[in-house]
């Protein structure tokens, strides 16, 4: 199901994703990524990428964010924002396929705060999902 978000929700979503970059632990790549997901109940959950000594193995910001939301009991989401320090904005990894619908909006912010929005289907077409397991 497609969800729309208000201008205020978008402002909060973007601010929280951009601010979440400050919590990234990326001593090897120095590539900070912050993310924020908006739940259908109106909560904003943030996360950031985490690297470890077996670099490049690490955890992407989207996975941290979605995992935190799932552990908190959320299962339905309205939108995701991902923020990096580069220009143009970077696309999120494919983990969002497992938790979002094809029409799910993904906002991608560059290092200057500019953004573009695409649906999950536009970013990750022809995905394998829960319907394939029935």
C-alpha atoms as a PDB file:
ATOM      1  CA  UNK A   1       0.000   0.000   0.000  1.00  0.00           C
ATOM      2  CA  UNK A   2       1.305   3.447  -0.899  1.00  0.00           C
ATOM      3  CA  UNK A   3       1.617   5.934   1.895  1.00  0.00           C
ATOM      4  CA  UNK A   4       1.860   9.672   1.642  1.00  0.00           C
ATOM      5  CA  UNK A   5       3.747  11.774   4.120  1.00  0.00           C
ATOM      6  CA  UNK A   6       3.115  15.343   5.161  1.00  0.00           C
ATOM      7  CA  UNK A   7       5.561  18.207   4.687  1.00  0.00           C
ATOM      8  CA  UNK A   8       6.215  18.187   8.438  1.00  0.00           C
ATOM      9  CA  UNK A   9       6.887  14.439   8.425  1.00  0.00           C
ATOM     10  CA  UNK A  10       9.311  14.891   5.524  1.00  0.00           C
ATOM     11  CA  UNK A  11      11.137  17.686   7.357  1.00  0.00           C
ATOM     12  CA  UNK A  12      11.476  15.555  10.489  1.00  0.00           C
ATOM     13  CA  UNK A  13      12.457  12.467   8.485  1.00  0.00           C
ATOM     14  CA  UNK A  14      15.213  14.327   6.639  1.00  0.00           C
ATOM     15  CA  UNK A  15      16.543  16.103   9.732  1.00  0.00           C
ATOM     16  CA  UNK A  16      16.747  12.868  11.690  1.00  0.00           C
ATOM     17  CA  UNK A  17      18.459  10.983   8.835  1.00  0.00           C
ATOM     18  CA  UNK A  18      21.012  13.757   8.356  1.00  0.00           C
ATOM     19  CA  UNK A  19      21.628  14.005  12.114  1.00  0.00           C
ATOM     20  CA  UNK A  20      22.022  10.219  12.363  1.00  0.00           C
ATOM     21  CA  UNK A  21      25.191  10.423  10.241  1.00  0.00           C
ATOM     22  CA  UNK A  22      26.949  11.759  13.348  1.00  0.00           C
ATOM     23  CA  UNK A  23      26.403   8.399  15.071  1.00  0.00           C
ATOM     24  CA  UNK A  24      27.992   6.334  12.278  1.00  0.00           C
ATOM     25  CA  UNK A  25      30.930   4.155  13.266  1.00  0.00           C
ATOM     26  CA  UNK A  26      33.047   4.007  10.118  1.00  0.00           C
ATOM     27  CA  UNK A  27      36.744   4.179  11.069  1.00  0.00           C
ATOM     28  CA  UNK A  28      37.845   2.324   7.918  1.00  0.00           C
ATOM     29  CA  UNK A  29      35.851   3.779   5.031  1.00  0.00           C
ATOM     30  CA  UNK A  30      34.992   7.135   6.627  1.00  0.00           C
ATOM     31  CA  UNK A  31      31.732   6.827   4.632  1.00  0.00           C
ATOM     32  CA  UNK A  32      29.013   8.015   7.009  1.00  0.00           C
ATOM     33  CA  UNK A  33      25.423   7.000   6.391  1.00  0.00           C
ATOM     34  CA  UNK A  34      22.451   7.984   8.510  1.00  0.00           C
ATOM     35  CA  UNK A  35      18.936   6.686   8.065  1.00  0.00           C
ATOM     36  CA  UNK A  36      15.489   7.312   9.463  1.00  0.00           C
ATOM     37  CA  UNK A  37      12.315   5.342   8.918  1.00  0.00           C
ATOM     38  CA  UNK A  38       8.822   6.671   9.597  1.00  0.00           C
ATOM     39  CA  UNK A  39       6.380   4.114  10.970  1.00  0.00           C
ATOM     40  CA  UNK A  40       2.674   4.180  10.175  1.00  0.00           C
ATOM     41  CA  UNK A  41       2.087   4.948  13.861  1.00  0.00           C
ATOM     42  CA  UNK A  42       4.090   8.168  13.471  1.00  0.00           C
ATOM     43  CA  UNK A  43       7.373   7.187  15.123  1.00  0.00           C
ATOM     44  CA  UNK A  44      10.737   8.102  13.638  1.00  0.00           C
ATOM     45  CA  UNK A  45      13.451   5.466  14.141  1.00  0.00           C
ATOM     46  CA  UNK A  46      17.067   6.271  13.277  1.00  0.00           C
ATOM     47  CA  UNK A  47      20.221   4.321  12.635  1.00  0.00           C
ATOM     48  CA  UNK A  48      23.676   4.623  11.120  1.00  0.00           C
ATOM     49  CA  UNK A  49      26.212   2.367   9.470  1.00  0.00           C
ATOM     50  CA  UNK A  50      28.569   0.336  11.648  1.00  0.00           C
ATOM     51  CA  UNK A  51      31.904  -1.080  10.483  1.00  0.00           C
ATOM     52  CA  UNK A  52      34.166  -3.555  12.227  1.00  0.00           C
ATOM     53  CA  UNK A  53      37.719  -4.838  11.988  1.00  0.00           C
ATOM     54  CA  UNK A  54      36.805  -7.412   9.348  1.00  0.00           C
ATOM     55  CA  UNK A  55      36.150  -4.530   6.940  1.00  0.00           C
ATOM     56  CA  UNK A  56      34.351  -4.406   4.558  1.00  0.00           C
ATOM     57  CA  UNK A  57      31.951  -6.508   6.608  1.00  0.00           C
ATOM     58  CA  UNK A  58      29.657  -4.195   8.512  1.00  0.00           C
ATOM     59  CA  UNK A  59      26.058  -3.245   8.964  1.00  0.00           C
ATOM     60  CA  UNK A  60      24.377  -0.705   6.721  1.00  0.00           C
ATOM     61  CA  UNK A  61      22.384   2.178   8.163  1.00  0.00           C
ATOM     62  CA  UNK A  62      19.134   0.905   6.683  1.00  0.00           C
ATOM     63  CA  UNK A  63      19.558  -2.503   8.319  1.00  0.00           C
ATOM     64  CA  UNK A  64      20.303  -0.906  11.704  1.00  0.00           C
ATOM     65  CA  UNK A  65      17.278   1.375  11.352  1.00  0.00           C
ATOM     66  CA  UNK A  66      14.829  -1.279  10.190  1.00  0.00           C
ATOM     67  CA  UNK A  67      16.133  -3.787  12.746  1.00  0.00           C
ATOM     68  CA  UNK A  68      15.679  -1.275  15.550  1.00  0.00           C
ATOM     69  CA  UNK A  69      12.137  -0.574  14.357  1.00  0.00           C
ATOM     70  CA  UNK A  70      11.287  -4.294  14.147  1.00  0.00           C
ATOM     71  CA  UNK A  71      12.664  -4.964  17.641  1.00  0.00           C
ATOM     72  CA  UNK A  72      10.531  -2.078  18.931  1.00  0.00           C
ATOM     73  CA  UNK A  73       7.459  -3.849  17.530  1.00  0.00           C
ATOM     74  CA  UNK A  74       6.911  -1.886  14.317  1.00  0.00           C
ATOM     75  CA  UNK A  75       5.978  -3.722  11.143  1.00  0.00           C
ATOM     76  CA  UNK A  76       4.439  -1.053   8.920  1.00  0.00           C
ATOM     77  CA  UNK A  77       6.373   1.876   7.500  1.00  0.00           C
ATOM     78  CA  UNK A  78       5.550   5.031   5.543  1.00  0.00           C
ATOM     79  CA  UNK A  79       8.924   6.260   4.250  1.00  0.00           C
ATOM     80  CA  UNK A  80      12.688   5.939   4.596  1.00  0.00           C
ATOM     81  CA  UNK A  81      15.379   8.599   4.325  1.00  0.00           C
ATOM     82  CA  UNK A  82      19.068   7.864   3.812  1.00  0.00           C
ATOM     83  CA  UNK A  83      21.722  10.589   4.132  1.00  0.00           C
ATOM     84  CA  UNK A  84      25.383  10.585   3.110  1.00  0.00           C
ATOM     85  CA  UNK A  85      28.163  13.156   2.817  1.00  0.00           C
ATOM     86  CA  UNK A  86      28.616  12.738  -0.939  1.00  0.00           C
ATOM     87  CA  UNK A  87      27.056  14.352  -3.984  1.00  0.00           C
ATOM     88  CA  UNK A  88      24.955  13.102  -5.635  1.00  0.00           C
ATOM     89  CA  UNK A  89      23.070  11.225  -2.956  1.00  0.00           C
ATOM     90  CA  UNK A  90      23.761   7.512  -2.598  1.00  0.00           C
ATOM     91  CA  UNK A  91      21.134   4.851  -3.066  1.00  0.00           C
ATOM     92  CA  UNK A  92      20.362   2.578  -0.107  1.00  0.00           C
ATOM     93  CA  UNK A  93      21.348  -1.070  -0.106  1.00  0.00           C
ATOM     94  CA  UNK A  94      18.854  -3.766  -1.013  1.00  0.00           C
ATOM     95  CA  UNK A  95      17.819  -4.738   2.530  1.00  0.00           C
ATOM     96  CA  UNK A  96      14.754  -2.504   2.184  1.00  0.00           C
ATOM     97  CA  UNK A  97      13.302  -4.979  -0.322  1.00  0.00           C
ATOM     98  CA  UNK A  98      12.413  -7.374   2.447  1.00  0.00           C
ATOM     99  CA  UNK A  99      10.434  -4.849   4.472  1.00  0.00           C
ATOM    100  CA  UNK A 100       8.778  -2.466   2.025  1.00  0.00           C
ATOM    101  CA  UNK A 101       6.242  -2.460  -0.768  1.00  0.00           C
ATOM    102  CA  UNK A 102       7.139  -1.590  -4.366  1.00  0.00           C
ATOM    103  CA  UNK A 103       5.551   1.876  -3.987  1.00  0.00           C
ATOM    104  CA  UNK A 104       7.424   2.650  -0.734  1.00  0.00           C
ATOM    105  CA  UNK A 105       9.101   6.100  -0.952  1.00  0.00           C
ATOM    106  CA  UNK A 106      12.849   6.357  -0.349  1.00  0.00           C
ATOM    107  CA  UNK A 107      14.348   9.825   0.123  1.00  0.00           C
ATOM    108  CA  UNK A 108      18.086  10.091  -0.587  1.00  0.00           C
ATOM    109  CA  UNK A 109      20.005  13.090   0.776  1.00  0.00           C
ATOM    110  CA  UNK A 110      23.418  14.269  -0.338  1.00  0.00           C
ATOM    111  CA  UNK A 111      26.026  16.056   1.752  1.00  0.00           C
ATOM    112  CA  UNK A 112      24.435  19.433   1.050  1.00  0.00           C
ATOM    113  CA  UNK A 113      20.949  18.375   2.136  1.00  0.00           C
ATOM    114  CA  UNK A 114      19.540  18.103  -1.389  1.00  0.00           C
ATOM    115  CA  UNK A 115      17.389  15.085  -2.026  1.00  0.00           C
ATOM    116  CA  UNK A 116      15.695  12.957  -4.599  1.00  0.00           C
ATOM    117  CA  UNK A 117      12.920  10.491  -3.998  1.00  0.00           C
ATOM    118  CA  UNK A 118      12.302   7.178  -5.702  1.00  0.00           C
ATOM    119  CA  UNK A 119      10.081   4.241  -4.939  1.00  0.00           C
ATOM    120  CA  UNK A 120      11.570   0.977  -3.801  1.00  0.00           C
ATOM    121  CA  UNK A 121      10.512  -0.546  -7.121  1.00  0.00           C
ATOM    122  CA  UNK A 122      12.359   2.157  -9.076  1.00  0.00           C
ATOM    123  CA  UNK A 123      15.491   1.586  -7.001  1.00  0.00           C
ATOM    124  CA  UNK A 124      15.310  -2.203  -6.840  1.00  0.00           C
ATOM    125  CA  UNK A 125      13.161  -3.659  -9.633  1.00  0.00           C
ATOM    126  CA  UNK A 126      12.281  -7.329  -9.969  1.00  0.00           C
ATOM    127  CA  UNK A 127      12.843  -8.075  -6.320  1.00  0.00           C
ATOM    128  CA  UNK A 128      12.520 -11.403  -4.555  1.00  0.00           C
ATOM    129  CA  UNK A 129      10.096 -11.040  -1.666  1.00  0.00           C
ATOM    130  CA  UNK A 130       7.638 -12.752   0.657  1.00  0.00           C
ATOM    131  CA  UNK A 131       5.201 -13.531  -2.170  1.00  0.00           C
ATOM    132  CA  UNK A 132       7.827 -15.816  -3.726  1.00  0.00           C
ATOM    133  CA  UNK A 133       7.844 -17.972  -0.600  1.00  0.00           C
ATOM    134  CA  UNK A 134       4.154 -18.907  -0.725  1.00  0.00           C
END
